[in-house]
mmCIF file of all heavy atoms, coordinates in Angstrom:
data_MODEL
# 
_entry.id   MODEL 
# 
loop_
_atom_site.group_PDB 
_atom_site.id 
_atom_site.type_symbol 
_atom_site.label_atom_id 
_atom_site.label_alt_id 
_atom_site.label_comp_id 
_atom_site.label_asym_id 
_atom_site.label_entity_id 
_atom_site.label_seq_id 
_atom_site.pdbx_PDB_ins_code 
_atom_site.Cartn_x 
_atom_site.Cartn_y 
_atom_site.Cartn_z 
_atom_site.occupancy 
_atom_site.B_iso_or_equiv 
_atom_site.pdbx_formal_charge 
_atom_site.auth_seq_id 
_atom_site.auth_comp_id 
_atom_site.auth_asym_id 
_atom_site.auth_atom_id 
_atom_site.pdbx_PDB_model_num 
ATOM 1   N N   . LEU A 1 1  ? -6.538  -12.670 -0.061 1.00 0.00 ? 1  LEU A N   1 
ATOM 2   C CA  . LEU A 1 1  ? -5.479  -13.139 0.840  1.00 0.00 ? 1  LEU A CA  1 
ATOM 3   C C   . LEU A 1 1  ? -4.100  -12.910 0.256  1.00 0.00 ? 1  LEU A C   1 
ATOM 4   O O   . LEU A 1 1  ? -3.109  -12.534 0.810  1.00 0.00 ? 1  LEU A O   1 
ATOM 5   C CB  . LEU A 1 1  ? -5.625  -14.558 1.329  1.00 0.00 ? 1  LEU A CB  1 
ATOM 6   C CG  . LEU A 1 1  ? -6.763  -14.861 2.321  1.00 0.00 ? 1  LEU A CG  1 
ATOM 7   C CD1 . LEU A 1 1  ? -8.075  -14.808 1.717  1.00 0.00 ? 1  LEU A CD1 1 
ATOM 8   C CD2 . LEU A 1 1  ? -6.394  -16.145 3.068  1.00 0.00 ? 1  LEU A CD2 1 
ATOM 9   N N   . ASP A 1 2  ? -3.941  -13.283 -1.111 1.00 0.00 ? 2  ASP A N   1 
ATOM 10  C CA  . ASP A 1 2  ? -2.732  -13.164 -1.678 1.00 0.00 ? 2  ASP A CA  1 
ATOM 11  C C   . ASP A 1 2  ? -2.228  -11.745 -1.816 1.00 0.00 ? 2  ASP A C   1 
ATOM 12  O O   . ASP A 1 2  ? -0.987  -11.346 -1.763 1.00 0.00 ? 2  ASP A O   1 
ATOM 13  C CB  . ASP A 1 2  ? -2.767  -13.720 -3.073 1.00 0.00 ? 2  ASP A CB  1 
ATOM 14  C CG  . ASP A 1 2  ? -2.999  -15.247 -3.070 1.00 0.00 ? 2  ASP A CG  1 
ATOM 15  O OD1 . ASP A 1 2  ? -2.697  -15.855 -2.013 1.00 0.00 ? 2  ASP A OD1 1 
ATOM 16  O OD2 . ASP A 1 2  ? -3.451  -15.796 -4.108 1.00 0.00 ? 2  ASP A OD2 1 
ATOM 17  N N   . TYR A 1 3  ? -3.252  -10.701 -1.992 1.00 0.00 ? 3  TYR A N   1 
ATOM 18  C CA  . TYR A 1 3  ? -2.857  -9.382  -2.172 1.00 0.00 ? 3  TYR A CA  1 
ATOM 19  C C   . TYR A 1 3  ? -2.205  -8.838  -0.915 1.00 0.00 ? 3  TYR A C   1 
ATOM 20  O O   . TYR A 1 3  ? -1.322  -7.970  -0.899 1.00 0.00 ? 3  TYR A O   1 
ATOM 21  C CB  . TYR A 1 3  ? -4.142  -8.487  -2.440 1.00 0.00 ? 3  TYR A CB  1 
ATOM 22  C CG  . TYR A 1 3  ? -3.807  -7.059  -2.901 1.00 0.00 ? 3  TYR A CG  1 
ATOM 23  C CD1 . TYR A 1 3  ? -3.380  -6.885  -4.240 1.00 0.00 ? 3  TYR A CD1 1 
ATOM 24  C CD2 . TYR A 1 3  ? -4.066  -5.968  -2.189 1.00 0.00 ? 3  TYR A CD2 1 
ATOM 25  C CE1 . TYR A 1 3  ? -3.197  -5.583  -4.612 1.00 0.00 ? 3  TYR A CE1 1 
ATOM 26  C CE2 . TYR A 1 3  ? -3.835  -4.755  -2.505 1.00 0.00 ? 3  TYR A CE2 1 
ATOM 27  C CZ  . TYR A 1 3  ? -3.360  -4.455  -3.819 1.00 0.00 ? 3  TYR A CZ  1 
ATOM 28  O OH  . TYR A 1 3  ? -3.131  -3.143  -4.168 1.00 0.00 ? 3  TYR A OH  1 
ATOM 29  N N   . ALA A 1 4  ? -2.645  -9.418  0.265  1.00 0.00 ? 4  ALA A N   1 
ATOM 30  C CA  . ALA A 1 4  ? -2.091  -8.983  1.594  1.00 0.00 ? 4  ALA A CA  1 
ATOM 31  C C   . ALA A 1 4  ? -0.521  -9.214  1.650  1.00 0.00 ? 4  ALA A C   1 
ATOM 32  O O   . ALA A 1 4  ? 0.131   -8.688  2.475  1.00 0.00 ? 4  ALA A O   1 
ATOM 33  C CB  . ALA A 1 4  ? -2.793  -9.678  2.724  1.00 0.00 ? 4  ALA A CB  1 
ATOM 34  N N   . LYS A 1 5  ? -0.064  -10.198 0.807  1.00 0.00 ? 5  LYS A N   1 
ATOM 35  C CA  . LYS A 1 5  ? 1.411   -10.533 0.878  1.00 0.00 ? 5  LYS A CA  1 
ATOM 36  C C   . LYS A 1 5  ? 2.196   -9.458  0.211  1.00 0.00 ? 5  LYS A C   1 
ATOM 37  O O   . LYS A 1 5  ? 3.467   -9.383  0.420  1.00 0.00 ? 5  LYS A O   1 
ATOM 38  C CB  . LYS A 1 5  ? 1.609   -11.807 0.231  1.00 0.00 ? 5  LYS A CB  1 
ATOM 39  C CG  . LYS A 1 5  ? 0.839   -12.986 0.867  1.00 0.00 ? 5  LYS A CG  1 
ATOM 40  C CD  . LYS A 1 5  ? 0.954   -14.317 0.061  1.00 0.00 ? 5  LYS A CD  1 
ATOM 41  C CE  . LYS A 1 5  ? 0.138   -15.390 0.663  1.00 0.00 ? 5  LYS A CE  1 
ATOM 42  N NZ  . LYS A 1 5  ? 0.127   -16.657 -0.175 1.00 0.00 ? 5  LYS A NZ  1 
ATOM 43  N N   . THR A 1 6  ? 1.565   -8.564  -0.619 1.00 0.00 ? 6  THR A N   1 
ATOM 44  C CA  . THR A 1 6  ? 2.433   -7.503  -1.226 1.00 0.00 ? 6  THR A CA  1 
ATOM 45  C C   . THR A 1 6  ? 1.967   -6.094  -0.823 1.00 0.00 ? 6  THR A C   1 
ATOM 46  O O   . THR A 1 6  ? 2.690   -5.167  -1.155 1.00 0.00 ? 6  THR A O   1 
ATOM 47  C CB  . THR A 1 6  ? 2.190   -7.704  -2.856 1.00 0.00 ? 6  THR A CB  1 
ATOM 48  O OG1 . THR A 1 6  ? 0.758   -7.505  -3.183 1.00 0.00 ? 6  THR A OG1 1 
ATOM 49  C CG2 . THR A 1 6  ? 2.667   -9.086  -3.318 1.00 0.00 ? 6  THR A CG2 1 
ATOM 50  N N   . SER A 1 7  ? 0.810   -5.971  -0.275 1.00 0.00 ? 7  SER A N   1 
ATOM 51  C CA  . SER A 1 7  ? 0.341   -4.579  0.171  1.00 0.00 ? 7  SER A CA  1 
ATOM 52  C C   . SER A 1 7  ? 0.872   -4.131  1.398  1.00 0.00 ? 7  SER A C   1 
ATOM 53  O O   . SER A 1 7  ? 0.949   -5.036  2.412  1.00 0.00 ? 7  SER A O   1 
ATOM 54  C CB  . SER A 1 7  ? -1.194  -4.611  0.163  1.00 0.00 ? 7  SER A CB  1 
ATOM 55  O OG  . SER A 1 7  ? -1.694  -3.396  0.667  1.00 0.00 ? 7  SER A OG  1 
ATOM 56  N N   . LYS A 1 8  ? 1.116   -2.901  1.635  1.00 0.00 ? 8  LYS A N   1 
ATOM 57  C CA  . LYS A 1 8  ? 1.587   -2.324  2.946  1.00 0.00 ? 8  LYS A CA  1 
ATOM 58  C C   . LYS A 1 8  ? 0.455   -2.143  3.828  1.00 0.00 ? 8  LYS A C   1 
ATOM 59  O O   . LYS A 1 8  ? 0.734   -2.049  5.063  1.00 0.00 ? 8  LYS A O   1 
ATOM 60  C CB  . LYS A 1 8  ? 2.356   -1.010  2.653  1.00 0.00 ? 8  LYS A CB  1 
ATOM 61  C CG  . LYS A 1 8  ? 3.617   -1.212  1.943  1.00 0.00 ? 8  LYS A CG  1 
ATOM 62  C CD  . LYS A 1 8  ? 4.352   0.070   1.759  1.00 0.00 ? 8  LYS A CD  1 
ATOM 63  C CE  . LYS A 1 8  ? 5.692   -0.093  1.010  1.00 0.00 ? 8  LYS A CE  1 
ATOM 64  N NZ  . LYS A 1 8  ? 6.383   1.261   0.827  1.00 0.00 ? 8  LYS A NZ  1 
ATOM 65  N N   . ARG A 1 9  ? -0.779  -2.142  3.347  1.00 0.00 ? 9  ARG A N   1 
ATOM 66  C CA  . ARG A 1 9  ? -1.814  -1.795  4.333  1.00 0.00 ? 9  ARG A CA  1 
ATOM 67  C C   . ARG A 1 9  ? -2.946  -2.837  4.245  1.00 0.00 ? 9  ARG A C   1 
ATOM 68  O O   . ARG A 1 9  ? -3.802  -2.890  5.277  1.00 0.00 ? 9  ARG A O   1 
ATOM 69  C CB  . ARG A 1 9  ? -2.446  -0.410  4.114  1.00 0.00 ? 9  ARG A CB  1 
ATOM 70  C CG  . ARG A 1 9  ? -2.992  -0.173  2.638  1.00 0.00 ? 9  ARG A CG  1 
ATOM 71  C CD  . ARG A 1 9  ? -3.591  1.249   2.610  1.00 0.00 ? 9  ARG A CD  1 
ATOM 72  N NE  . ARG A 1 9  ? -4.058  1.638   1.240  1.00 0.00 ? 9  ARG A NE  1 
ATOM 73  C CZ  . ARG A 1 9  ? -4.801  2.630   0.843  1.00 0.00 ? 9  ARG A CZ  1 
ATOM 74  N NH1 . ARG A 1 9  ? -5.442  3.290   1.769  1.00 0.00 ? 9  ARG A NH1 1 
ATOM 75  N NH2 . ARG A 1 9  ? -5.044  2.846   -0.385 1.00 0.00 ? 9  ARG A NH2 1 
ATOM 76  N N   . TRP A 1 10 ? -3.150  -3.631  3.226  1.00 0.00 ? 10 TRP A N   1 
ATOM 77  C CA  . TRP A 1 10 ? -4.217  -4.607  3.138  1.00 0.00 ? 10 TRP A CA  1 
ATOM 78  C C   . TRP A 1 10 ? -3.811  -5.911  3.988  1.00 0.00 ? 10 TRP A C   1 
ATOM 79  O O   . TRP A 1 10 ? -2.839  -6.594  3.573  1.00 0.00 ? 10 TRP A O   1 
ATOM 80  C CB  . TRP A 1 10 ? -4.467  -4.997  1.704  1.00 0.00 ? 10 TRP A CB  1 
ATOM 81  C CG  . TRP A 1 10 ? -5.612  -5.861  1.468  1.00 0.00 ? 10 TRP A CG  1 
ATOM 82  C CD1 . TRP A 1 10 ? -5.596  -7.314  1.460  1.00 0.00 ? 10 TRP A CD1 1 
ATOM 83  C CD2 . TRP A 1 10 ? -6.948  -5.491  1.121  1.00 0.00 ? 10 TRP A CD2 1 
ATOM 84  N NE1 . TRP A 1 10 ? -6.835  -7.711  1.105  1.00 0.00 ? 10 TRP A NE1 1 
ATOM 85  C CE2 . TRP A 1 10 ? -7.718  -6.653  0.927  1.00 0.00 ? 10 TRP A CE2 1 
ATOM 86  C CE3 . TRP A 1 10 ? -7.640  -4.389  0.975  1.00 0.00 ? 10 TRP A CE3 1 
ATOM 87  C CZ2 . TRP A 1 10 ? -9.055  -6.687  0.630  1.00 0.00 ? 10 TRP A CZ2 1 
ATOM 88  C CZ3 . TRP A 1 10 ? -8.876  -4.274  0.672  1.00 0.00 ? 10 TRP A CZ3 1 
ATOM 89  C CH2 . TRP A 1 10 ? -9.656  -5.419  0.504  1.00 0.00 ? 10 TRP A CH2 1 
ATOM 90  N N   . ASN A 1 11 ? -4.458  -6.195  5.039  1.00 0.00 ? 11 ASN A N   1 
ATOM 91  C CA  . ASN A 1 11 ? -4.115  -7.208  5.922  1.00 0.00 ? 11 ASN A CA  1 
ATOM 92  C C   . ASN A 1 11 ? -5.257  -8.323  5.963  1.00 0.00 ? 11 ASN A C   1 
ATOM 93  O O   . ASN A 1 11 ? -6.401  -8.024  6.302  1.00 0.00 ? 11 ASN A O   1 
ATOM 94  C CB  . ASN A 1 11 ? -3.916  -6.769  7.343  1.00 0.00 ? 11 ASN A CB  1 
ATOM 95  C CG  . ASN A 1 11 ? -2.639  -5.975  7.432  1.00 0.00 ? 11 ASN A CG  1 
ATOM 96  O OD1 . ASN A 1 11 ? -1.531  -6.565  7.821  1.00 0.00 ? 11 ASN A OD1 1 
ATOM 97  N ND2 . ASN A 1 11 ? -2.700  -4.632  7.292  1.00 0.00 ? 11 ASN A ND2 1 
ATOM 98  N N   . MET A 1 12 ? -4.961  -9.484  5.485  1.00 0.00 ? 12 MET A N   1 
ATOM 99  C CA  . MET A 1 12 ? -5.857  -10.618 5.557  1.00 0.00 ? 12 MET A CA  1 
ATOM 100 C C   . MET A 1 12 ? -4.885  -11.929 5.632  1.00 0.00 ? 12 MET A C   1 
ATOM 101 O O   . MET A 1 12 ? -4.888  -12.620 4.594  1.00 0.00 ? 12 MET A O   1 
ATOM 102 C CB  . MET A 1 12 ? -6.767  -10.686 4.372  1.00 0.00 ? 12 MET A CB  1 
ATOM 103 C CG  . MET A 1 12 ? -7.920  -11.703 4.490  1.00 0.00 ? 12 MET A CG  1 
ATOM 104 S SD  . MET A 1 12 ? -9.066  -11.906 3.030  1.00 0.00 ? 12 MET A SD  1 
ATOM 105 C CE  . MET A 1 12 ? -9.767  -10.299 3.050  1.00 0.00 ? 12 MET A CE  1 
ATOM 106 N N   . PRO A 1 13 ? -4.343  -12.138 6.629  1.00 0.00 ? 13 PRO A N   1 
ATOM 107 C CA  . PRO A 1 13 ? -3.519  -13.387 6.795  1.00 0.00 ? 13 PRO A CA  1 
ATOM 108 C C   . PRO A 1 13 ? -4.184  -14.745 6.629  1.00 0.00 ? 13 PRO A C   1 
ATOM 109 O O   . PRO A 1 13 ? -3.528  -15.696 6.307  1.00 0.00 ? 13 PRO A O   1 
ATOM 110 C CB  . PRO A 1 13 ? -2.844  -13.228 8.190  1.00 0.00 ? 13 PRO A CB  1 
ATOM 111 C CG  . PRO A 1 13 ? -3.768  -12.500 8.956  1.00 0.00 ? 13 PRO A CG  1 
ATOM 112 C CD  . PRO A 1 13 ? -4.440  -11.494 7.887  1.00 0.00 ? 13 PRO A CD  1 
ATOM 113 N N   . ASP A 1 14 ? -5.451  -14.713 6.889  1.00 0.00 ? 14 ASP A N   1 
ATOM 114 C CA  . ASP A 1 14 ? -6.227  -16.029 6.767  1.00 0.00 ? 14 ASP A CA  1 
ATOM 115 C C   . ASP A 1 14 ? -7.707  -15.531 6.624  1.00 0.00 ? 14 ASP A C   1 
ATOM 116 O O   . ASP A 1 14 ? -8.000  -14.418 6.639  1.00 0.00 ? 14 ASP A O   1 
ATOM 117 C CB  . ASP A 1 14 ? -6.023  -16.920 8.030  1.00 0.00 ? 14 ASP A CB  1 
ATOM 118 C CG  . ASP A 1 14 ? -6.081  -18.384 7.621  1.00 0.00 ? 14 ASP A CG  1 
ATOM 119 O OD1 . ASP A 1 14 ? -6.896  -18.674 6.711  1.00 0.00 ? 14 ASP A OD1 1 
ATOM 120 O OD2 . ASP A 1 14 ? -5.428  -19.165 8.197  1.00 0.00 ? 14 ASP A OD2 1 
ATOM 121 N N   . ARG A 1 15 ? -8.541  -16.518 6.541  1.00 0.00 ? 15 ARG A N   1 
ATOM 122 C CA  . ARG A 1 15 ? -9.971  -16.186 6.320  1.00 0.00 ? 15 ARG A CA  1 
ATOM 123 C C   . ARG A 1 15 ? -10.635 -15.848 7.774  1.00 0.00 ? 15 ARG A C   1 
ATOM 124 O O   . ARG A 1 15 ? -11.660 -15.210 7.740  1.00 0.00 ? 15 ARG A O   1 
ATOM 125 C CB  . ARG A 1 15 ? -10.730 -17.382 5.707  1.00 0.00 ? 15 ARG A CB  1 
ATOM 126 C CG  . ARG A 1 15 ? -10.305 -17.547 4.290  1.00 0.00 ? 15 ARG A CG  1 
ATOM 127 C CD  . ARG A 1 15 ? -10.949 -18.781 3.614  1.00 0.00 ? 15 ARG A CD  1 
ATOM 128 N NE  . ARG A 1 15 ? -10.255 -19.066 2.311  1.00 0.00 ? 15 ARG A NE  1 
ATOM 129 C CZ  . ARG A 1 15 ? -10.776 -19.057 1.130  1.00 0.00 ? 15 ARG A CZ  1 
ATOM 130 N NH1 . ARG A 1 15 ? -12.072 -18.784 0.988  1.00 0.00 ? 15 ARG A NH1 1 
ATOM 131 N NH2 . ARG A 1 15 ? -10.113 -19.287 0.062  1.00 0.00 ? 15 ARG A NH2 1 
ATOM 132 N N   . TRP A 1 16 ? -9.963  -16.296 8.764  1.00 0.00 ? 16 TRP A N   1 
ATOM 133 C CA  . TRP A 1 16 ? -10.214 -15.715 10.088 1.00 0.00 ? 16 TRP A CA  1 
ATOM 134 C C   . TRP A 1 16 ? -8.957  -15.584 10.851 1.00 0.00 ? 16 TRP A C   1 
ATOM 135 O O   . TRP A 1 16 ? -8.070  -16.375 10.755 1.00 0.00 ? 16 TRP A O   1 
ATOM 136 C CB  . TRP A 1 16 ? -11.261 -16.625 10.877 1.00 0.00 ? 16 TRP A CB  1 
ATOM 137 C CG  . TRP A 1 16 ? -10.870 -18.121 11.159 1.00 0.00 ? 16 TRP A CG  1 
ATOM 138 C CD1 . TRP A 1 16 ? -10.183 -18.548 12.251 1.00 0.00 ? 16 TRP A CD1 1 
ATOM 139 C CD2 . TRP A 1 16 ? -11.141 -19.204 10.332 1.00 0.00 ? 16 TRP A CD2 1 
ATOM 140 N NE1 . TRP A 1 16 ? -10.018 -19.956 12.158 1.00 0.00 ? 16 TRP A NE1 1 
ATOM 141 C CE2 . TRP A 1 16 ? -10.592 -20.270 10.953 1.00 0.00 ? 16 TRP A CE2 1 
ATOM 142 C CE3 . TRP A 1 16 ? -11.747 -19.385 9.013  1.00 0.00 ? 16 TRP A CE3 1 
ATOM 143 C CZ2 . TRP A 1 16 ? -10.603 -21.589 10.489 1.00 0.00 ? 16 TRP A CZ2 1 
ATOM 144 C CZ3 . TRP A 1 16 ? -11.778 -20.728 8.535  1.00 0.00 ? 16 TRP A CZ3 1 
ATOM 145 C CH2 . TRP A 1 16 ? -11.218 -21.707 9.167  1.00 0.00 ? 16 TRP A CH2 1 
ATOM 146 N N   . TYR A 1 17 ? -8.890  -14.542 11.682 1.00 0.00 ? 17 TYR A N   1 
ATOM 147 C CA  . TYR A 1 17 ? -7.661  -14.105 12.300 1.00 0.00 ? 17 TYR A CA  1 
ATOM 148 C C   . TYR A 1 17 ? -7.874  -13.113 13.401 1.00 0.00 ? 17 TYR A C   1 
ATOM 149 O O   . TYR A 1 17 ? -9.068  -12.522 13.496 1.00 0.00 ? 17 TYR A O   1 
ATOM 150 C CB  . TYR A 1 17 ? -6.589  -13.640 11.236 1.00 0.00 ? 17 TYR A CB  1 
ATOM 151 C CG  . TYR A 1 17 ? -7.157  -12.402 10.524 1.00 0.00 ? 17 TYR A CG  1 
ATOM 152 C CD1 . TYR A 1 17 ? -6.738  -11.203 10.962 1.00 0.00 ? 17 TYR A CD1 1 
ATOM 153 C CD2 . TYR A 1 17 ? -7.840  -12.497 9.351  1.00 0.00 ? 17 TYR A CD2 1 
ATOM 154 C CE1 . TYR A 1 17 ? -7.073  -9.930  10.384 1.00 0.00 ? 17 TYR A CE1 1 
ATOM 155 C CE2 . TYR A 1 17 ? -8.194  -11.230 8.678  1.00 0.00 ? 17 TYR A CE2 1 
ATOM 156 C CZ  . TYR A 1 17 ? -7.899  -10.066 9.137  1.00 0.00 ? 17 TYR A CZ  1 
ATOM 157 O OH  . TYR A 1 17 ? -8.249  -8.891  8.523  1.00 0.00 ? 17 TYR A OH  1 
ATOM 158 N N   . SER A 1 18 ? -6.883  -12.726 14.165 1.00 0.00 ? 18 SER A N   1 
ATOM 159 C CA  . SER A 1 18 ? -7.044  -11.748 15.075 1.00 0.00 ? 18 SER A CA  1 
ATOM 160 C C   . SER A 1 18 ? -5.888  -10.570 14.947 1.00 0.00 ? 18 SER A C   1 
ATOM 161 O O   . SER A 1 18 ? -4.814  -10.873 14.412 1.00 0.00 ? 18 SER A O   1 
ATOM 162 C CB  . SER A 1 18 ? -7.089  -12.243 16.443 1.00 0.00 ? 18 SER A CB  1 
ATOM 163 O OG  . SER A 1 18 ? -5.792  -12.868 16.829 1.00 0.00 ? 18 SER A OG  1 
ATOM 164 N N   . HIS A 1 19 ? -6.269  -9.473  15.537 1.00 0.00 ? 19 HIS A N   1 
ATOM 165 C CA  . HIS A 1 19 ? -5.235  -8.425  15.635 1.00 0.00 ? 19 HIS A CA  1 
ATOM 166 C C   . HIS A 1 19 ? -5.304  -7.692  17.028 1.00 0.00 ? 19 HIS A C   1 
ATOM 167 O O   . HIS A 1 19 ? -6.430  -7.443  17.517 1.00 0.00 ? 19 HIS A O   1 
ATOM 168 C CB  . HIS A 1 19 ? -5.486  -7.340  14.551 1.00 0.00 ? 19 HIS A CB  1 
ATOM 169 C CG  . HIS A 1 19 ? -4.749  -6.064  14.725 1.00 0.00 ? 19 HIS A CG  1 
ATOM 170 N ND1 . HIS A 1 19 ? -3.303  -6.055  14.583 1.00 0.00 ? 19 HIS A ND1 1 
ATOM 171 C CD2 . HIS A 1 19 ? -5.098  -4.809  15.085 1.00 0.00 ? 19 HIS A CD2 1 
ATOM 172 C CE1 . HIS A 1 19 ? -2.933  -4.875  14.784 1.00 0.00 ? 19 HIS A CE1 1 
ATOM 173 N NE2 . HIS A 1 19 ? -3.973  -4.103  15.136 1.00 0.00 ? 19 HIS A NE2 1 
ATOM 174 N N   . HIS A 1 20 ? -4.226  -7.476  17.595 1.00 0.00 ? 20 HIS A N   1 
ATOM 175 C CA  . HIS A 1 20 ? -4.104  -6.833  18.898 1.00 0.00 ? 20 HIS A CA  1 
ATOM 176 C C   . HIS A 1 20 ? -3.506  -5.511  18.806 1.00 0.00 ? 20 HIS A C   1 
ATOM 177 O O   . HIS A 1 20 ? -2.373  -5.371  18.256 1.00 0.00 ? 20 HIS A O   1 
ATOM 178 C CB  . HIS A 1 20 ? -3.277  -7.645  19.873 1.00 0.00 ? 20 HIS A CB  1 
ATOM 179 C CG  . HIS A 1 20 ? -3.277  -7.267  21.251 1.00 0.00 ? 20 HIS A CG  1 
ATOM 180 N ND1 . HIS A 1 20 ? -2.394  -6.304  21.803 1.00 0.00 ? 20 HIS A ND1 1 
ATOM 181 C CD2 . HIS A 1 20 ? -4.012  -7.651  22.407 1.00 0.00 ? 20 HIS A CD2 1 
ATOM 182 C CE1 . HIS A 1 20 ? -2.613  -6.056  23.065 1.00 0.00 ? 20 HIS A CE1 1 
ATOM 183 N NE2 . HIS A 1 20 ? -3.659  -6.946  23.405 1.00 0.00 ? 20 HIS A NE2 1 
ATOM 184 N N   . GLN A 1 21 ? -4.124  -4.455  19.288 1.00 0.00 ? 21 GLN A N   1 
ATOM 185 C CA  . GLN A 1 21 ? -3.578  -3.049  19.174 1.00 0.00 ? 21 GLN A CA  1 
ATOM 186 C C   . GLN A 1 21 ? -3.770  -2.436  20.517 1.00 0.00 ? 21 GLN A C   1 
ATOM 187 O O   . GLN A 1 21 ? -4.717  -2.486  21.189 1.00 0.00 ? 21 GLN A O   1 
ATOM 188 C CB  . GLN A 1 21 ? -4.512  -2.237  18.259 1.00 0.00 ? 21 GLN A CB  1 
ATOM 189 C CG  . GLN A 1 21 ? -3.946  -0.822  17.991 1.00 0.00 ? 21 GLN A CG  1 
ATOM 190 C CD  . GLN A 1 21 ? -2.861  -0.827  16.895 1.00 0.00 ? 21 GLN A CD  1 
ATOM 191 O OE1 . GLN A 1 21 ? -3.008  -1.568  15.931 1.00 0.00 ? 21 GLN A OE1 1 
ATOM 192 N NE2 . GLN A 1 21 ? -1.919  0.093   16.972 1.00 0.00 ? 21 GLN A NE2 1 
ATOM 193 N N   . ALA A 1 22 ? -2.545  -1.988  21.050 1.00 0.00 ? 22 ALA A N   1 
ATOM 194 C CA  . ALA A 1 22 ? -2.417  -1.314  22.405 1.00 0.00 ? 22 ALA A CA  1 
ATOM 195 C C   . ALA A 1 22 ? -1.914  -0.003  22.411 1.00 0.00 ? 22 ALA A C   1 
ATOM 196 O O   . ALA A 1 22 ? -1.058  0.356   21.530 1.00 0.00 ? 22 ALA A O   1 
ATOM 197 C CB  . ALA A 1 22 ? -1.667  -2.300  23.315 1.00 0.00 ? 22 ALA A CB  1 
ATOM 198 N N   . ALA A 1 23 ? -2.245  0.840   23.269 1.00 0.00 ? 23 ALA A N   1 
ATOM 199 C CA  . ALA A 1 23 ? -1.657  2.135   23.637 1.00 0.00 ? 23 ALA A CA  1 
ATOM 200 C C   . ALA A 1 23 ? -1.250  2.131   24.973 1.00 0.00 ? 23 ALA A C   1 
ATOM 201 O O   . ALA A 1 23 ? -1.911  1.769   26.009 1.00 0.00 ? 23 ALA A O   1 
ATOM 202 C CB  . ALA A 1 23 ? -2.765  3.346   23.389 1.00 0.00 ? 23 ALA A CB  1 
ATOM 203 N N   . VAL A 1 24 ? 0.045   2.573   25.206 1.00 0.00 ? 24 VAL A N   1 
ATOM 204 C CA  . VAL A 1 24 ? 0.635   2.536   26.536 1.00 0.00 ? 24 VAL A CA  1 
ATOM 205 C C   . VAL A 1 24 ? 1.251   3.814   26.815 1.00 0.00 ? 24 VAL A C   1 
ATOM 206 O O   . VAL A 1 24 ? 2.056   4.341   25.920 1.00 0.00 ? 24 VAL A O   1 
ATOM 207 C CB  . VAL A 1 24 ? 1.680   1.374   26.605 1.00 0.00 ? 24 VAL A CB  1 
ATOM 208 C CG1 . VAL A 1 24 ? 2.379   1.336   28.044 1.00 0.00 ? 24 VAL A CG1 1 
ATOM 209 C CG2 . VAL A 1 24 ? 1.001   0.023   26.291 1.00 0.00 ? 24 VAL A CG2 1 
ATOM 210 N N   . THR A 1 25 ? 1.046   4.406   28.008 1.00 0.00 ? 25 THR A N   1 
ATOM 211 C CA  . THR A 1 25 ? 1.693   5.601   28.384 1.00 0.00 ? 25 THR A CA  1 
ATOM 212 C C   . THR A 1 25 ? 2.138   5.482   29.902 1.00 0.00 ? 25 THR A C   1 
ATOM 213 O O   . THR A 1 25 ? 1.964   4.383   30.457 1.00 0.00 ? 25 THR A O   1 
ATOM 214 C CB  . THR A 1 25 ? 0.775   6.885   28.348 1.00 0.00 ? 25 THR A CB  1 
ATOM 215 O OG1 . THR A 1 25 ? -0.198  6.859   29.478 1.00 0.00 ? 25 THR A OG1 1 
ATOM 216 C CG2 . THR A 1 25 ? 0.099   6.931   27.011 1.00 0.00 ? 25 THR A CG2 1 
ATOM 217 N N   . ASN A 1 26 ? 2.700   6.475   30.521 1.00 0.00 ? 26 ASN A N   1 
ATOM 218 C CA  . ASN A 1 26 ? 3.068   6.368   31.860 1.00 0.00 ? 26 ASN A CA  1 
ATOM 219 C C   . ASN A 1 26 ? 1.884   6.387   32.807 1.00 0.00 ? 26 ASN A C   1 
ATOM 220 O O   . ASN A 1 26 ? 1.942   6.134   34.070 1.00 0.00 ? 26 ASN A O   1 
ATOM 221 C CB  . ASN A 1 26 ? 4.067   7.446   32.192 1.00 0.00 ? 26 ASN A CB  1 
ATOM 222 C CG  . ASN A 1 26 ? 3.605   8.774   32.046 1.00 0.00 ? 26 ASN A CG  1 
ATOM 223 O OD1 . ASN A 1 26 ? 2.302   9.013   31.706 1.00 0.00 ? 26 ASN A OD1 1 
ATOM 224 N ND2 . ASN A 1 26 ? 4.402   9.800   32.107 1.00 0.00 ? 26 ASN A ND2 1 
ATOM 225 N N   . LYS A 1 27 ? 0.619   6.612   32.268 1.00 0.00 ? 27 LYS A N   1 
ATOM 226 C CA  . LYS A 1 27 ? -0.588  6.648   33.042 1.00 0.00 ? 27 LYS A CA  1 
ATOM 227 C C   . LYS A 1 27 ? -1.373  5.270   33.008 1.00 0.00 ? 27 LYS A C   1 
ATOM 228 O O   . LYS A 1 27 ? -2.347  5.094   33.621 1.00 0.00 ? 27 LYS A O   1 
ATOM 229 C CB  . LYS A 1 27 ? -1.484  7.693   32.712 1.00 0.00 ? 27 LYS A CB  1 
ATOM 230 C CG  . LYS A 1 27 ? -0.835  9.050   33.003 1.00 0.00 ? 27 LYS A CG  1 
ATOM 231 C CD  . LYS A 1 27 ? -1.810  10.191  32.644 1.00 0.00 ? 27 LYS A CD  1 
ATOM 232 C CE  . LYS A 1 27 ? -1.319  11.628  33.009 1.00 0.00 ? 27 LYS A CE  1 
ATOM 233 N NZ  . LYS A 1 27 ? -2.268  12.743  32.689 1.00 0.00 ? 27 LYS A NZ  1 
ATOM 234 N N   . GLY A 1 28 ? -0.856  4.372   32.153 1.00 0.00 ? 28 GLY A N   1 
ATOM 235 C CA  . GLY A 1 28 ? -1.531  3.072   32.014 1.00 0.00 ? 28 GLY A CA  1 
ATOM 236 C C   . GLY A 1 28 ? -1.540  2.506   30.582 1.00 0.00 ? 28 GLY A C   1 
ATOM 237 O O   . GLY A 1 28 ? -0.656  2.885   29.780 1.00 0.00 ? 28 GLY A O   1 
# 
């Protein structure tokens, strides 16, 4: 978890967590 505070790509903000990723275009 601590490594995530200094890494640009390692993400672990907590022992359980969520991430939302979306793609949006003019078609939806």
